[in-house]
Protein backbone atom coordinates (compact mmCIF):
# COMPACT_ATOMS: atom_id res chain seq x y z
CA MET A 1 154.20 74.11 33.72
CA LEU A 2 154.65 75.03 37.38
CA LYS A 3 155.11 72.39 40.02
CA GLN A 4 152.56 72.49 42.81
CA SER A 5 155.17 73.76 45.30
CA GLU A 6 156.18 76.60 42.94
CA TYR A 7 152.55 77.53 42.36
CA LYS A 8 151.88 77.62 46.11
CA GLN A 9 154.97 79.77 46.70
CA ARG A 10 153.89 82.29 44.06
CA LEU A 11 150.34 82.31 45.36
CA GLU A 12 151.53 83.00 48.90
CA GLN A 13 153.56 85.98 47.66
CA THR A 14 150.42 87.53 46.21
CA GLN A 15 149.77 91.01 47.59
CA ILE A 16 146.16 91.77 48.46
CA MET A 17 144.65 95.11 49.43
CA VAL A 18 141.66 95.47 51.73
CA LEU A 19 139.87 98.81 51.43
CA ASP A 20 137.24 99.23 54.14
CA ASP A 21 136.43 102.06 56.54
CA GLU A 22 135.49 99.61 59.33
CA PRO A 23 138.56 98.70 61.42
CA SER A 24 137.03 95.38 62.49
CA ILE A 25 136.52 94.29 58.86
CA ARG A 26 140.10 95.23 57.99
CA TRP A 27 141.35 93.29 61.03
CA VAL A 28 139.39 90.11 60.17
CA MET A 29 140.42 90.24 56.51
CA ASP A 30 144.06 90.89 57.42
CA ARG A 31 144.16 88.05 59.91
CA THR A 32 142.44 85.57 57.58
CA LEU A 33 144.52 86.41 54.51
CA SER A 34 147.80 86.59 56.45
CA GLN A 35 147.19 83.19 58.00
CA ALA A 36 146.67 81.83 54.49
CA GLY A 37 150.10 83.19 53.57
CA TYR A 38 149.13 86.27 51.59
CA ILE A 39 150.77 89.67 51.95
CA THR A 40 148.07 92.13 52.96
CA HIS A 41 147.86 95.90 52.71
CA LEU A 42 145.08 97.75 54.51
CA ALA A 43 143.43 101.06 53.65
CA ALA A 44 140.63 102.93 55.40
CA ASP A 45 139.79 105.27 52.51
CA ALA A 46 140.31 105.82 48.79
CA PRO A 47 143.33 108.17 49.04
CA GLU A 48 145.14 105.69 51.27
CA ALA A 49 144.29 102.87 48.85
CA ARG A 50 145.62 104.86 45.88
CA GLN A 51 148.93 105.30 47.69
CA LEU A 52 149.13 101.56 48.32
CA LEU A 53 148.46 100.87 44.64
CA LYS A 54 151.31 103.22 43.69
CA ASN A 55 153.78 101.62 46.11
CA HIS A 56 152.97 97.91 45.89
CA SER A 57 152.21 95.24 43.29
CA ILE A 58 148.63 94.63 44.37
CA ARG A 59 147.15 91.63 42.55
CA LEU A 60 143.72 91.52 44.21
CA ALA A 61 141.60 94.05 46.10
CA PHE A 62 138.64 93.66 48.40
CA VAL A 63 136.79 96.98 48.23
CA ASP A 64 133.90 98.12 50.42
CA ILE A 65 131.09 99.62 48.36
CA ASN A 66 129.99 102.14 51.01
CA LEU A 67 133.04 104.27 51.70
CA PRO A 68 133.04 107.84 53.00
CA GLY A 69 134.11 110.38 50.40
CA GLN A 70 134.32 108.11 47.37
CA ASP A 71 132.27 104.96 47.05
CA GLY A 72 133.94 101.66 46.24
CA LEU A 73 132.42 101.34 42.77
CA SER A 74 133.78 104.67 41.54
CA PHE A 75 137.13 103.86 43.16
CA THR A 76 137.50 100.69 41.10
CA ARG A 77 136.92 102.58 37.86
């Protein structure tokens, strides 16, 4: 069983991706998650997000449903 300090350290190393075409949403999410200790990766569209998924160990993704080109629902499939 993990000690609380070990759990917190692992949690803070969690890499999260934010996929949103609105720069202000990406900025707010990045700032909030970074201040909480998470590693954030930002993408403005599906191709950029796919590249991030190839290059990083993303554990959680916040995906906008209304994206230009490919909508968020089809991206998650």
